[in-house]
Amino acid sequence: MKRALKILALAAALLRLWAPKRRARRKARRSAQEARARAIATELRCLVCQNQSIDDSDAPLAKDLRMLLREQIRKGASDKEARDYIVARYGDFVLLRPPFKPETLLLWARR
C-alpha cells in the first residue's frame, strides 16, 4: 500500500513538472495560429464595410469570417488553403486585392 502511494505521489510530481511545459507549448502554438489568422484577415474584405479588412472591422459578419478563418487554421490548413476556403465561399470580391481576370474587372475598375 505504501509503495502504491509513493508511486502515485511520484506520478503527481512528474505531472506537475510536465503540465506547465505542455501549456506553454499549446499557448505558443495558439499565438502562432492567431498571428497567421490576423495576417490573412488583413487581406480579406469585410463584406459589410467593403473598405475595411475583416481584421479591422467590427461588423458581425467580419467576426464570423475571422472565426471561419481561425477554424481552418486550427484544422491544419495552410495560409493559402484557409484563404482559398473563404474565397470559395464568398468569391473574389472578399479579397482586398482580387486577381486580375475578366470576372473581376469591375472590382479593379472601382479602385
Protein backbone atom coordinates (compact mmCIF):
# COMPACT_ATOMS: atom_id res chain seq x y z
CA MET A 1 0.00 0.00 0.00
CA LYS A 2 2.80 2.41 0.93
CA ARG A 3 4.59 1.60 -2.29
CA ALA A 4 1.47 2.41 -4.33
CA LEU A 5 1.16 5.77 -2.54
CA LYS A 6 4.81 6.56 -3.25
CA ILE A 7 4.35 5.75 -6.93
CA LEU A 8 1.20 7.85 -7.04
CA ALA A 9 2.99 10.78 -5.37
CA LEU A 10 5.89 10.47 -7.81
CA ALA A 11 3.49 10.41 -10.77
CA ALA A 12 1.72 13.51 -9.44
CA ALA A 13 5.05 15.33 -9.02
CA LEU A 14 6.11 14.44 -12.56
CA LEU A 15 2.75 15.58 -13.89
CA ARG A 16 3.19 18.95 -12.18
CA LEU A 17 6.55 19.37 -13.89
CA TRP A 18 5.24 18.31 -17.29
CA ALA A 19 1.92 20.21 -17.35
CA PRO A 20 3.33 23.79 -17.46
CA LYS A 21 5.57 22.89 -20.40
CA ARG A 22 2.60 21.42 -22.22
CA ARG A 23 0.54 24.55 -21.53
CA ALA A 24 3.40 26.76 -22.74
CA ARG A 25 3.68 24.78 -25.98
CA ARG A 26 -0.09 24.97 -26.51
CA LYS A 27 -0.08 28.72 -25.85
CA ALA A 28 2.81 29.25 -28.29
CA ARG A 29 1.00 27.21 -30.94
CA ARG A 30 -2.20 29.23 -30.42
CA SER A 31 -0.37 32.56 -30.63
CA ALA A 32 1.34 31.44 -33.84
CA GLN A 33 -2.04 30.39 -35.27
CA GLU A 34 -3.56 33.72 -34.21
CA ALA A 35 -0.74 35.62 -35.92
CA ARG A 36 -1.34 33.64 -39.12
CA ALA A 37 -5.10 34.28 -38.93
CA ARG A 38 -4.58 38.01 -38.41
CA ALA A 39 -2.16 38.21 -41.34
CA ILE A 40 -4.68 36.52 -43.65
CA ALA A 41 -7.55 38.61 -42.24
CA THR A 42 -5.78 41.79 -43.37
CA GLU A 43 -6.11 40.55 -46.97
CA LEU A 44 -9.86 39.86 -46.77
CA ARG A 45 -12.54 42.49 -47.31
CA CYS A 46 -15.38 42.99 -44.86
CA LEU A 47 -18.48 42.39 -46.96
CA VAL A 48 -20.44 44.88 -44.85
CA CYS A 49 -17.92 47.73 -44.62
CA GLN A 50 -16.30 46.98 -48.00
CA ASN A 51 -13.38 49.37 -47.46
CA GLN A 52 -12.01 47.60 -44.41
CA SER A 53 -10.35 44.29 -43.89
CA ILE A 54 -12.10 41.76 -41.68
CA ASP A 55 -9.25 42.29 -39.22
CA ASP A 56 -10.17 45.98 -38.86
CA SER A 57 -13.94 45.63 -38.99
CA ASP A 58 -16.30 45.31 -36.01
CA ALA A 59 -19.21 44.06 -38.15
CA PRO A 60 -20.78 40.75 -37.04
CA LEU A 61 -20.11 39.22 -40.47
CA ALA A 62 -16.41 40.12 -40.19
CA LYS A 63 -16.34 38.40 -36.80
CA ASP A 64 -17.90 35.30 -38.36
CA LEU A 65 -15.33 35.32 -41.17
CA ARG A 66 -12.49 35.61 -38.64
CA MET A 67 -13.93 32.62 -36.77
CA LEU A 68 -14.12 30.59 -40.00
CA LEU A 69 -10.53 31.52 -40.77
CA ARG A 70 -9.30 30.53 -37.31
CA GLU A 71 -11.20 27.26 -37.54
CA GLN A 72 -9.49 26.40 -40.84
CA ILE A 73 -6.07 27.20 -39.40
CA ARG A 74 -6.82 25.18 -36.26
CA LYS A 75 -7.70 22.22 -38.51
CA GLY A 76 -4.22 22.44 -40.03
CA ALA A 77 -4.90 24.30 -43.27
CA SER A 78 -2.04 26.26 -44.79
CA ASP A 79 -2.43 30.03 -45.20
CA LYS A 80 -3.29 29.58 -48.87
CA GLU A 81 -5.81 26.82 -48.14
CA ALA A 82 -7.52 28.91 -45.43
CA ARG A 83 -7.67 31.96 -47.71
CA ASP A 84 -8.93 29.86 -50.62
CA TYR A 85 -11.64 28.37 -48.38
CA ILE A 86 -13.05 31.84 -47.69
CA VAL A 87 -12.75 32.85 -51.36
CA ALA A 88 -14.57 29.65 -52.42
CA ARG A 89 -17.47 30.56 -50.14
CA TYR A 90 -17.68 34.30 -50.87
CA GLY A 91 -15.99 34.79 -54.24
CA ASP A 92 -13.11 37.02 -55.33
CA PHE A 93 -14.93 40.10 -54.01
CA VAL A 94 -13.87 39.12 -50.48
CA LEU A 95 -10.23 39.77 -51.42
CA LEU A 96 -8.96 43.31 -50.91
CA ARG A 97 -6.64 42.65 -53.87
CA PRO A 98 -8.63 40.36 -56.18
CA PRO A 99 -6.83 38.62 -59.04
CA PHE A 100 -6.93 40.47 -62.34
CA LYS A 101 -9.21 38.45 -64.64
CA PRO A 102 -12.33 39.17 -66.71
CA GLU A 103 -14.69 38.26 -63.85
CA THR A 104 -13.03 40.76 -61.51
CA LEU A 105 -12.64 43.62 -63.97
CA LEU A 106 -15.33 45.66 -62.18
CA LEU A 107 -13.55 45.22 -58.87
CA TRP A 108 -10.38 46.65 -60.39
CA ALA A 109 -12.31 49.49 -62.07
CA ARG A 110 -13.63 50.63 -58.66
CA ARG A 111 -10.10 51.47 -57.49
